[in-house]
Amino acid sequence: MNSKELEMQMLKDERVCSPEKNKSSPLDEILSNIGFGNYQVKAFIILGLILINDGAEALVLSFLSAILEREWGLNSEDNGLIVSGVWLGTLIGILLSGKLGDLYGRRLPLVYASLCLYVFGVLSAYAHDFTELLILRTLYGFFMGFQYPLTITYLAEISPVNVRGKILLLCCILWTVGELYTCFVAYFALDNIYSGNWRSMVFWVCQPSLIGWLGAQAYLVESPRFVIVTQKNVEEGIKILKRMAEENGRGDIIDNNAKIEIEEWSADDHSTDENNIGKVSTLFEPRYKKLTLLLWPIWFSLVIIYYGMLYVLPLILSALSREDSETDSSIGSVVIPVLIEIPSCVLGLSMIDREGLGRKNSMFLSFLISAVACLFALFSDYLIFWTTISRGLIYLALSVVYPFTVELYPTFIRATGLAYANGCGRIGGIVMPWVVMTLYELSPKLPFLGFSILSFAAAFLCYLIPFDTTNKELDFEMNYIV
């Protein structure tokens, strides 16, 4: 045994005999020492400019449905096809990104996806007919879905454990930024929620993704966790960690002992399974099966409720305004339910790491109270008020489910696990317009009964999840004990 092997064995024996040191992996310890600083802030801003497209798209589709119904004479089936096309493209992009992200890394696929997202977003603004618009928005949805799991996974893997939940939750406020940005653009481009220059709106809404692409191309490097754990390239991973430390003003905090610890840790059997990298079948192994079967319907319900409310609200207000001229059909009537997401994010930040609440219980309570609020929206005259309350709580649940899902799966299937859970949500997005419009045509406010039923069901599924991940490091051993 040479001196290097002897040193690595001594370090291993020391950690086995010392439960205190076994609490954290050396990689998580280094990330904690690097802290959350300039590098992560810049990465968050760059990727945030790409992420806001997801929140923006829901409102873009909602406005387009109401406008094109009058401008192009589209019926509910035509509008449903456009919405379902976007979500189908998103679903395919998500499922493909998880596999590629776990095999080839997070950064490069992100760079290409963000560029294509911008290109097809701009082309959509110049669509000449229904078929062309359907194809272009479906391709736009594909690249929107492709980038999302990779973005969330990347940010999770560069964040220290003590702030990871909050950072990933803050990612979700970017949906709100996207929605508000769309409302801002719509205020100048549209006359009201069912007429105006929709081409200008579509063009300007996708512009932030161009800036995000330029920033990602110039600044982002690969996730050090992916390089070390999946690619087994410790030298390159150390270089990335050192760059992050320098960027955060932490100096040279990675010595030779730390490097040896990382080498030994990355070689452990629990760190990765080279035969199962990115494999969907791994999600159904005994140690993950229960989690997967609970998470997927939760995601499915979340997307139907969250985007369903956003999609149907302008249509409900438009229908009610025809019955009652005093009903507000201005852009502002759509902004109010969106604004609740800001205090919801603040509430989530105070709950996500709190003992007794954390990820699991925050989701459970959000679904339960939202279900009740939807029933009030159905039977009460105060539609905007109860919709605002319900959307705020569903937004909170949707914000928390991202870090929760990321933390449940280990590095070698993390992007795949998040992608397929998110993909189930996008299936919800595909069926959403058909379900919502069927209920809407029976009675404009009836979709809220469906939202309430789904919220009660999702609350029950959250209750069945066997454990929480609050304040646990990534690749924590609990991931393997279900």
Protein backbone atom coordinates (compact mmCIF):
# COMPACT_ATOMS: atom_id res chain seq x y z
CA MET A 1 0.00 0.00 0.00
CA ASN A 2 1.53 3.33 -1.04
CA SER A 3 1.47 6.45 1.11
CA LYS A 4 -1.52 8.00 -0.70
CA GLU A 5 -3.62 4.83 -0.29
CA LEU A 6 -2.59 4.60 3.38
CA GLU A 7 -3.62 8.22 3.98
CA MET A 8 -6.99 7.66 2.32
CA GLN A 9 -7.59 4.50 4.40
CA MET A 10 -6.74 6.37 7.63
CA LEU A 11 -9.21 9.10 6.74
CA LYS A 12 -11.86 6.49 5.97
CA ASP A 13 -11.27 4.68 9.29
CA GLU A 14 -11.42 7.98 11.14
CA ARG A 15 -14.84 8.84 9.65
CA VAL A 16 -16.21 5.35 10.37
CA CYS A 17 -15.14 5.61 14.01
CA SER A 18 -16.37 9.19 14.34
CA PRO A 19 -20.15 9.60 13.97
CA GLU A 20 -19.74 13.34 14.31
CA LYS A 21 -17.63 13.55 11.15
CA ASN A 22 -19.90 11.14 9.29
CA LYS A 23 -22.73 13.66 9.37
CA SER A 24 -21.55 15.53 6.31
CA SER A 25 -19.85 14.59 3.09
CA PRO A 26 -16.56 16.43 2.38
CA LEU A 27 -18.15 17.99 -0.70
CA ASP A 28 -21.02 19.45 1.34
CA GLU A 29 -18.53 20.69 3.93
CA ILE A 30 -16.53 22.47 1.24
CA LEU A 31 -19.68 24.02 -0.24
CA SER A 32 -20.66 25.20 3.24
CA ASN A 33 -17.23 26.78 3.69
CA ILE A 34 -17.47 28.43 0.27
CA GLY A 35 -20.87 29.76 1.31
CA PHE A 36 -23.56 31.41 -0.74
CA GLY A 37 -21.86 34.36 -2.41
CA ASN A 38 -21.10 36.11 -5.68
CA TYR A 39 -20.89 32.97 -7.78
CA GLN A 40 -24.28 31.61 -6.73
CA VAL A 41 -25.92 35.03 -6.94
CA LYS A 42 -24.72 35.52 -10.52
CA ALA A 43 -25.79 31.99 -11.46
CA PHE A 44 -29.21 32.59 -9.89
CA ILE A 45 -29.71 35.81 -11.85
CA ILE A 46 -28.55 34.28 -15.16
CA LEU A 47 -30.69 31.19 -14.81
CA GLY A 48 -33.54 33.26 -13.43
CA LEU A 49 -33.77 35.15 -16.71
CA ILE A 50 -34.40 31.77 -18.34
CA LEU A 51 -36.71 30.44 -15.63
CA ILE A 52 -39.16 33.34 -15.85
CA ASN A 53 -40.32 32.02 -19.23
CA ASP A 54 -42.17 29.19 -17.49
CA GLY A 55 -44.28 31.55 -15.40
CA ALA A 56 -44.73 33.91 -18.32
CA GLU A 57 -45.99 31.19 -20.66
CA ALA A 58 -49.08 30.41 -18.59
CA LEU A 59 -50.33 33.99 -18.88
CA VAL A 60 -49.26 34.29 -22.53
CA LEU A 61 -51.39 31.25 -23.37
CA SER A 62 -54.27 32.61 -21.32
CA PHE A 63 -54.24 35.96 -23.13
CA LEU A 64 -53.77 34.27 -26.52
CA SER A 65 -56.79 32.02 -25.95
CA ALA A 66 -59.07 34.97 -25.28
CA ILE A 67 -57.63 37.15 -28.10
CA LEU A 68 -57.37 34.54 -30.88
CA GLU A 69 -60.90 33.38 -30.16
CA ARG A 70 -62.01 36.76 -31.49
CA GLU A 71 -59.19 37.67 -33.89
CA TRP A 72 -58.75 34.35 -35.70
CA GLY A 73 -62.12 32.85 -34.87
CA LEU A 74 -60.58 29.95 -32.94
CA ASN A 75 -62.89 27.76 -30.90
CA SER A 76 -62.19 26.17 -27.53
CA GLU A 77 -60.78 23.04 -29.21
CA ASP A 78 -58.29 25.09 -31.24
CA ASN A 79 -57.15 26.99 -28.17
CA GLY A 80 -56.95 23.73 -26.26
CA LEU A 81 -54.66 22.31 -28.95
CA ILE A 82 -52.26 25.25 -28.63
CA VAL A 83 -52.11 24.92 -24.84
CA SER A 84 -51.76 21.14 -24.98
CA GLY A 85 -49.12 21.48 -27.72
CA VAL A 86 -47.02 23.71 -25.49
CA TRP A 87 -47.32 21.31 -22.55
CA LEU A 88 -46.66 18.26 -24.75
CA GLY A 89 -43.49 19.91 -26.03
CA THR A 90 -42.58 20.79 -22.46
CA LEU A 91 -43.14 17.21 -21.34
CA ILE A 92 -40.91 15.78 -24.07
CA GLY A 93 -38.22 18.35 -23.31
CA ILE A 94 -38.34 17.58 -19.59
CA LEU A 95 -38.08 13.82 -20.04
CA LEU A 96 -35.18 14.16 -22.47
CA SER A 97 -33.32 16.68 -20.33
CA GLY A 98 -33.23 14.44 -17.27
CA LYS A 99 -31.48 11.64 -19.13
CA LEU A 100 -29.04 13.95 -20.93
CA GLY A 101 -28.39 16.00 -17.80
CA ASP A 102 -27.41 12.93 -15.76
CA LEU A 103 -25.25 11.56 -18.57
CA TYR A 104 -23.55 14.67 -20.02
CA GLY A 105 -23.85 17.37 -17.37
CA ARG A 106 -25.97 20.40 -16.54
CA ARG A 107 -24.26 23.36 -18.21
CA LEU A 108 -23.93 22.58 -21.93
CA PRO A 109 -27.52 21.38 -22.46
CA LEU A 110 -28.68 24.50 -20.59
CA VAL A 111 -26.75 26.82 -22.89
CA TYR A 112 -28.17 25.31 -26.07
CA ALA A 113 -31.70 25.10 -24.69
CA SER A 114 -31.78 28.76 -23.65
CA LEU A 115 -30.71 29.89 -27.13
CA CYS A 116 -33.35 27.75 -28.86
CA LEU A 117 -35.95 28.96 -26.38
CA TYR A 118 -35.33 32.53 -27.50
CA VAL A 119 -35.32 31.68 -31.21
CA PHE A 120 -38.66 29.87 -31.19
CA GLY A 121 -40.18 32.49 -28.89
CA VAL A 122 -39.40 35.23 -31.40
CA LEU A 123 -40.57 33.14 -34.37
CA SER A 124 -43.92 32.58 -32.63
CA ALA A 125 -44.58 36.31 -32.73
CA TYR A 126 -44.53 36.16 -36.55
CA ALA A 127 -46.80 33.11 -36.99
CA HIS A 128 -49.23 33.57 -39.90
CA ASP A 129 -51.90 31.03 -39.02
CA PHE A 130 -53.10 28.54 -36.44
CA THR A 131 -50.97 25.62 -37.66
CA GLU A 132 -47.76 27.64 -37.71
CA LEU A 133 -48.43 29.04 -34.25
CA LEU A 134 -49.19 25.55 -32.90
CA ILE A 135 -45.90 24.13 -34.23
CA LEU A 136 -43.76 27.04 -33.04
CA ARG A 137 -45.28 27.17 -29.55
CA THR A 138 -44.87 23.39 -29.22
CA LEU A 139 -41.15 23.74 -30.06
CA TYR A 140 -40.94 26.66 -27.65
CA GLY A 141 -42.50 24.46 -24.97
CA PHE A 142 -39.96 21.71 -25.71
CA PHE A 143 -36.97 23.92 -24.92
CA MET A 144 -38.76 25.56 -21.99
CA GLY A 145 -39.23 22.10 -20.49
CA PHE A 146 -35.72 20.97 -21.39
CA GLN A 147 -34.01 23.70 -19.40
CA TYR A 148 -36.12 23.57 -16.24
CA PRO A 149 -34.94 20.38 -14.44
CA LEU A 150 -31.34 21.17 -15.35
CA THR A 151 -31.61 24.68 -13.93
CA ILE A 152 -33.11 23.54 -10.62
CA THR A 153 -30.63 20.66 -10.34
CA TYR A 154 -27.66 22.94 -11.08
CA LEU A 155 -28.66 25.49 -8.44
CA ALA A 156 -29.25 22.72 -5.88
CA GLU A 157 -25.79 21.29 -6.50
CA ILE A 158 -23.91 24.57 -6.07
CA SER A 159 -25.77 25.72 -2.93
CA PRO A 160 -24.71 25.03 0.68
CA VAL A 161 -27.06 22.74 2.59
CA ASN A 162 -28.13 25.42 5.08
CA VAL A 163 -29.61 27.68 2.38
CA ARG A 164 -30.42 25.19 -0.39
CA GLY A 165 -34.13 24.94 0.39
CA LYS A 166 -34.54 28.70 0.48
CA ILE A 167 -32.61 29.20 -2.76
CA LEU A 168 -34.70 26.66 -4.63
CA LEU A 169 -37.86 28.16 -3.21
CA LEU A 170 -36.72 31.58 -4.39
CA CYS A 171 -36.39 30.08 -7.87
CA CYS A 172 -40.13 29.66 -7.83
CA ILE A 173 -40.72 33.37 -7.31
CA LEU A 174 -39.32 33.70 -10.79
CA TRP A 175 -42.63 32.29 -12.03
CA THR A 176 -44.22 35.32 -10.39
CA VAL A 177 -41.63 37.59 -11.98
CA GLY A 178 -42.47 36.00 -15.34
CA GLU A 179 -46.19 36.46 -14.80
CA LEU A 180 -45.78 40.07 -13.68
CA TYR A 181 -43.45 40.76 -16.58
CA THR A 182 -46.09 39.38 -18.94
CA CYS A 183 -48.73 41.58 -17.31
CA PHE A 184 -46.38 44.56 -17.70
CA VAL A 185 -45.85 43.84 -21.40
CA ALA A 186 -49.56 43.12 -21.87
CA TYR A 187 -50.45 46.45 -20.29
CA PHE A 188 -48.72 48.26 -23.17
CA ALA A 189 -49.41 45.75 -25.95
CA LEU A 190 -53.03 44.80 -25.25
CA ASP A 191 -56.22 46.81 -24.91
CA ASN A 192 -57.71 44.37 -22.38
CA ILE A 193 -57.65 40.64 -21.66
CA TYR A 194 -59.28 39.74 -24.98
CA SER A 195 -57.96 42.25 -27.56
CA GLY A 196 -54.72 43.98 -28.59
CA ASN A 197 -51.33 43.43 -30.26
CA TRP A 198 -50.55 39.88 -29.16
CA ARG A 199 -47.53 39.64 -31.50
CA SER A 200 -45.77 42.44 -29.67
CA MET A 201 -46.56 40.78 -26.36
CA VAL A 202 -45.11 37.41 -27.46
CA PHE A 203 -41.97 39.08 -28.87
CA TRP A 204 -41.11 41.08 -25.78
CA VAL A 205 -41.97 38.37 -23.26
CA CYS A 206 -39.17 36.09 -24.54
CA GLN A 207 -36.42 38.73 -24.53
CA PRO A 208 -35.03 37.94 -21.04
CA SER A 209 -34.05 34.46 -22.26
CA LEU A 210 -31.60 36.09 -24.70
CA ILE A 211 -29.78 37.82 -21.83
CA GLY A 212 -29.87 34.56 -19.85
CA TRP A 213 -28.28 32.66 -22.73
CA LEU A 214 -25.47 35.21 -23.07
CA GLY A 215 -24.78 35.03 -19.34
CA ALA A 216 -24.85 31.23 -19.24
CA GLN A 217 -22.48 31.00 -22.20
CA ALA A 218 -20.00 33.46 -20.73
CA TYR A 219 -20.10 32.73 -17.01
CA LEU A 220 -21.47 29.35 -15.92
CA VAL A 221 -19.24 26.32 -15.42
CA GLU A 222 -20.29 22.70 -14.89
CA SER A 223 -21.73 21.57 -11.55
CA PRO A 224 -18.81 20.42 -9.38
CA ARG A 225 -20.98 17.73 -7.79
CA PHE A 226 -21.77 16.23 -11.21
CA VAL A 227 -18.09 16.31 -12.23
CA ILE A 228 -16.92 14.67 -9.01
CA VAL A 229 -19.72 12.19 -8.31
CA THR A 230 -20.85 11.13 -11.78
CA GLN A 231 -17.80 11.75 -13.98
CA LYS A 232 -15.33 10.80 -11.20
CA ASN A 233 -13.11 13.70 -12.29
CA VAL A 234 -11.96 14.99 -8.94
CA GLU A 235 -9.22 17.23 -10.38
CA GLU A 236 -11.70 19.16 -12.54
CA GLY A 237 -14.23 19.29 -9.71
CA ILE A 238 -11.62 20.79 -7.38
CA LYS A 239 -10.80 23.45 -9.98
CA ILE A 240 -14.46 24.43 -10.18
CA LEU A 241 -14.78 24.55 -6.39
CA LYS A 242 -11.67 26.73 -6.17
CA ARG A 243 -13.10 29.12 -8.74
CA MET A 244 -16.32 29.34 -6.71
CA ALA A 245 -14.33 29.99 -3.53
CA GLU A 246 -12.30 32.76 -5.19
CA GLU A 247 -15.44 34.31 -6.63
CA ASN A 248 -16.97 34.34 -3.15
CA GLY A 249 -13.84 35.84 -1.60
CA ARG A 250 -13.04 32.69 0.40
CA GLY A 251 -9.45 32.28 -0.85
CA ASP A 252 -7.69 28.93 -0.93
CA ILE A 253 -9.77 26.81 1.46
CA ILE A 254 -9.30 23.46 -0.33
CA ASP A 255 -6.09 21.78 0.84
CA ASN A 256 -4.64 18.37 -0.03
CA ASN A 257 -6.47 16.62 2.82
CA ALA A 258 -9.79 17.92 1.52
CA LYS A 259 -8.92 16.66 -1.94
CA ILE A 260 -8.11 13.19 -0.61
CA GLU A 261 -11.38 13.10 1.35
CA ILE A 262 -13.34 13.96 -1.78
CA GLU A 263 -11.53 11.29 -3.80
CA GLU A 264 -12.35 8.64 -1.23
CA TRP A 265 -15.94 9.82 -0.80
CA SER A 266 -16.64 9.91 -4.54
CA ALA A 267 -15.44 6.31 -4.80
CA ASP A 268 -17.87 5.03 -2.14
CA ASP A 269 -20.65 2.77 -3.33
CA HIS A 270 -23.35 5.11 -1.97
CA SER A 271 -22.14 8.08 -4.02
CA THR A 272 -23.17 6.75 -7.41
CA ASP A 273 -24.11 3.67 -9.35
CA GLU A 274 -22.47 3.79 -12.78
CA ASN A 275 -24.80 1.12 -14.18
CA ASN A 276 -27.92 3.12 -13.29
CA ILE A 277 -26.95 6.69 -14.19
CA GLY A 278 -30.02 8.45 -15.54
CA LYS A 279 -32.09 5.24 -15.74
CA VAL A 280 -35.84 5.68 -15.22
CA SER A 281 -36.14 2.11 -13.93
CA THR A 282 -34.03 3.11 -10.92
CA LEU A 283 -36.89 5.34 -9.76
CA PHE A 284 -38.94 2.19 -9.23
CA GLU A 285 -36.39 0.25 -7.24
CA PRO A 286 -37.65 -0.65 -3.73
CA ARG A 287 -35.75 2.20 -2.09
CA TYR A 288 -37.38 4.86 -4.33
CA LYS A 289 -40.62 3.27 -5.52
CA LYS A 290 -42.94 4.59 -2.81
CA LEU A 291 -41.55 8.11 -3.11
CA THR A 292 -41.92 8.07 -6.89
CA LEU A 293 -45.51 6.80 -6.81
CA LEU A 294 -46.48 9.49 -4.30
CA LEU A 295 -44.60 12.37 -5.95
CA TRP A 296 -45.88 11.88 -9.48
CA PRO A 297 -49.62 12.38 -8.78
CA ILE A 298 -48.77 15.32 -6.48
CA TRP A 299 -46.97 17.01 -9.37
CA PHE A 300 -49.85 16.12 -11.73
CA SER A 301 -52.40 17.75 -9.43
CA LEU A 302 -50.23 20.80 -8.74
CA VAL A 303 -49.82 21.79 -12.37
CA ILE A 304 -53.50 21.34 -13.20
CA ILE A 305 -54.51 23.52 -10.26
CA TYR A 306 -51.83 26.21 -10.57
CA TYR A 307 -51.91 26.71 -14.33
CA GLY A 308 -55.59 25.85 -14.57
CA MET A 309 -56.53 28.81 -12.39
CA LEU A 310 -54.28 31.09 -14.40
CA TYR A 311 -55.63 29.78 -17.70
CA VAL A 312 -59.33 29.91 -16.90
CA LEU A 313 -59.56 33.15 -14.91
CA PRO A 314 -59.55 35.55 -17.91
CA LEU A 315 -62.14 33.33 -19.59
CA ILE A 316 -64.35 33.33 -16.49
CA LEU A 317 -64.07 37.11 -16.15
CA SER A 318 -64.81 37.53 -19.84
CA ALA A 319 -67.92 35.32 -19.52
CA LEU A 320 -69.09 37.07 -16.36
CA SER A 321 -68.55 40.49 -17.95
CA ARG A 322 -70.97 39.54 -20.72
CA GLU A 323 -73.57 38.72 -18.07
CA ASP A 324 -72.69 41.65 -15.85
CA SER A 325 -71.12 44.77 -17.37
CA GLU A 326 -69.71 45.74 -13.96
CA THR A 327 -67.39 42.70 -13.89
CA ASP A 328 -63.76 43.82 -14.17
CA SER A 329 -62.14 42.52 -17.40
CA SER A 330 -59.02 44.70 -17.31
CA ILE A 331 -55.44 43.44 -17.14
CA GLY A 332 -55.42 44.44 -13.47
CA SER A 333 -58.02 41.79 -12.61
CA VAL A 334 -55.47 39.14 -13.63
CA VAL A 335 -52.56 40.82 -11.81
CA ILE A 336 -54.20 40.64 -8.36
CA PRO A 337 -54.09 36.82 -8.01
CA VAL A 338 -50.50 36.89 -9.29
CA LEU A 339 -49.34 39.40 -6.68
CA ILE A 340 -50.28 37.04 -3.84
CA GLU A 341 -47.36 34.86 -4.87
CA ILE A 342 -44.87 37.36 -3.44
CA PRO A 343 -46.10 37.11 0.19
CA SER A 344 -46.56 33.36 -0.41
CA CYS A 345 -42.85 33.12 -1.20
CA VAL A 346 -42.00 35.06 1.98
CA LEU A 347 -44.22 32.70 3.96
CA GLY A 348 -42.55 29.71 2.33
CA LEU A 349 -39.09 31.00 3.25
CA SER A 350 -40.13 31.08 6.90
CA MET A 351 -41.68 27.59 6.77
CA ILE A 352 -39.40 25.46 4.59
CA ASP A 353 -36.59 25.00 7.14
CA ARG A 354 -38.68 25.35 10.29
CA GLU A 355 -38.81 22.33 12.59
CA GLY A 356 -42.26 20.74 12.53
CA LEU A 357 -43.14 22.24 9.15
CA GLY A 358 -40.35 21.79 6.62
CA ARG A 359 -41.08 20.54 3.13
CA LYS A 360 -43.68 17.85 3.74
CA ASN A 361 -45.98 19.58 6.22
CA SER A 362 -45.83 22.90 4.36
CA MET A 363 -47.16 21.16 1.26
CA PHE A 364 -49.82 19.27 3.21
CA LEU A 365 -51.23 22.41 4.85
CA SER A 366 -51.08 24.41 1.61
CA PHE A 367 -53.11 21.81 -0.30
CA LEU A 368 -55.64 21.42 2.49
CA ILE A 369 -56.41 25.11 2.95
CA SER A 370 -56.38 25.71 -0.83
CA ALA A 371 -59.04 23.03 -1.27
CA VAL A 372 -61.33 24.91 1.11
CA ALA A 373 -60.62 28.25 -0.60
CA CYS A 374 -61.58 26.75 -3.99
CA LEU A 375 -64.96 25.75 -2.59
CA PHE A 376 -65.51 29.32 -1.41
CA ALA A 377 -64.52 30.59 -4.88
CA LEU A 378 -67.13 28.27 -6.39
CA PHE A 379 -70.03 29.36 -4.20
CA SER A 380 -69.06 32.90 -3.18
CA ASP A 381 -69.47 36.17 -5.09
CA TYR A 382 -65.90 37.15 -4.14
CA LEU A 383 -64.22 35.20 -6.94
CA ILE A 384 -61.00 37.22 -7.14
CA PHE A 385 -60.49 37.15 -3.38
CA TRP A 386 -60.81 33.38 -2.97
CA THR A 387 -58.90 32.69 -6.18
CA THR A 388 -56.09 34.83 -4.84
CA ILE A 389 -56.01 32.93 -1.54
CA SER A 390 -56.09 29.54 -3.25
CA ARG A 391 -53.42 30.43 -5.85
CA GLY A 392 -51.15 31.77 -3.15
CA LEU A 393 -51.27 28.48 -1.26
CA ILE A 394 -50.88 26.33 -4.37
CA TYR A 395 -47.93 28.51 -5.35
CA LEU A 396 -46.42 27.80 -1.93
CA ALA A 397 -46.84 24.04 -2.45
CA LEU A 398 -45.41 24.24 -5.95
CA SER A 399 -42.43 26.20 -4.63
CA VAL A 400 -41.67 23.63 -1.94
CA VAL A 401 -42.10 20.52 -4.10
CA TYR A 402 -39.05 21.46 -6.22
CA PRO A 403 -36.44 21.36 -3.42
CA PHE A 404 -38.24 18.39 -1.87
CA THR A 405 -38.03 16.35 -5.08
CA VAL A 406 -34.42 17.35 -5.78
CA GLU A 407 -33.36 16.27 -2.29
CA LEU A 408 -35.12 12.89 -2.38
CA TYR A 409 -33.00 11.48 -5.22
CA PRO A 410 -29.18 11.02 -5.32
CA THR A 411 -26.87 12.75 -7.79
CA PHE A 412 -26.71 9.97 -10.38
CA ILE A 413 -30.51 10.11 -10.96
CA ARG A 414 -31.33 13.55 -9.54
CA ALA A 415 -32.05 15.27 -12.86
CA THR A 416 -33.97 12.20 -14.06
CA GLY A 417 -36.02 12.00 -10.85
CA LEU A 418 -36.93 15.68 -11.00
CA ALA A 419 -37.54 15.54 -14.75
CA TYR A 420 -40.00 12.66 -14.61
CA ALA A 421 -41.85 14.05 -11.59
CA ASN A 422 -42.05 17.40 -13.36
CA GLY A 423 -43.05 15.50 -16.50
CA CYS A 424 -46.08 14.10 -14.71
CA GLY A 425 -46.96 17.69 -13.91
CA ARG A 426 -46.68 18.59 -17.57
CA ILE A 427 -49.05 15.74 -18.43
CA GLY A 428 -51.40 17.59 -16.13
CA GLY A 429 -50.72 20.68 -18.24
CA ILE A 430 -51.62 18.76 -21.40
CA VAL A 431 -54.99 17.57 -20.09
CA MET A 432 -55.65 20.78 -18.14
CA PRO A 433 -57.34 22.84 -20.88
CA TRP A 434 -59.65 19.96 -21.81
CA VAL A 435 -60.68 19.26 -18.22
CA VAL A 436 -60.98 22.93 -17.33
CA MET A 437 -62.89 23.87 -20.49
CA THR A 438 -65.31 20.93 -20.09
CA LEU A 439 -66.18 22.15 -16.59
CA TYR A 440 -66.16 25.79 -17.73
CA GLU A 441 -68.71 25.12 -20.47
CA LEU A 442 -71.03 23.48 -17.93
CA SER A 443 -70.71 26.52 -15.67
CA PRO A 444 -68.01 29.24 -15.73
CA LYS A 445 -67.02 28.73 -12.07
CA LEU A 446 -67.29 24.93 -12.00
CA PRO A 447 -63.51 24.38 -12.61
CA PHE A 448 -63.00 25.39 -8.99
CA LEU A 449 -64.80 22.24 -7.86
CA GLY A 450 -62.23 20.20 -9.78
CA PHE A 451 -59.39 22.24 -8.27
CA SER A 452 -60.77 21.58 -4.78
CA ILE A 453 -61.01 17.80 -5.30
CA LEU A 454 -57.45 17.62 -6.63
CA SER A 455 -56.17 19.71 -3.70
CA PHE A 456 -57.76 17.38 -1.13
CA ALA A 457 -56.27 14.35 -2.93
CA ALA A 458 -52.78 15.91 -3.06
CA ALA A 459 -52.94 16.77 0.66
CA PHE A 460 -53.62 13.11 1.43
CA LEU A 461 -50.67 11.98 -0.72
CA CYS A 462 -48.36 14.44 1.06
CA TYR A 463 -49.47 12.95 4.37
CA LEU A 464 -48.37 9.50 3.14
CA ILE A 465 -44.80 10.56 2.29
CA PRO A 466 -42.70 8.69 4.90
CA PHE A 467 -40.15 11.39 5.81
CA ASP A 468 -38.99 14.95 5.28
CA THR A 469 -35.67 16.19 3.85
CA THR A 470 -35.44 19.46 5.76
CA ASN A 471 -31.81 20.36 6.59
CA LYS A 472 -30.50 17.11 5.09
CA GLU A 473 -27.48 17.18 2.78
CA LEU A 474 -27.72 16.03 -0.83
CA ASP A 475 -27.03 12.28 -1.21
CA PHE A 476 -28.08 11.83 2.41
CA GLU A 477 -28.36 8.15 3.32
CA MET A 478 -32.06 8.44 4.12
CA ASN A 479 -32.62 8.57 0.35
CA TYR A 480 -31.86 4.84 0.36
CA ILE A 481 -34.08 3.83 3.28
CA VAL A 482 -37.79 3.88 2.43
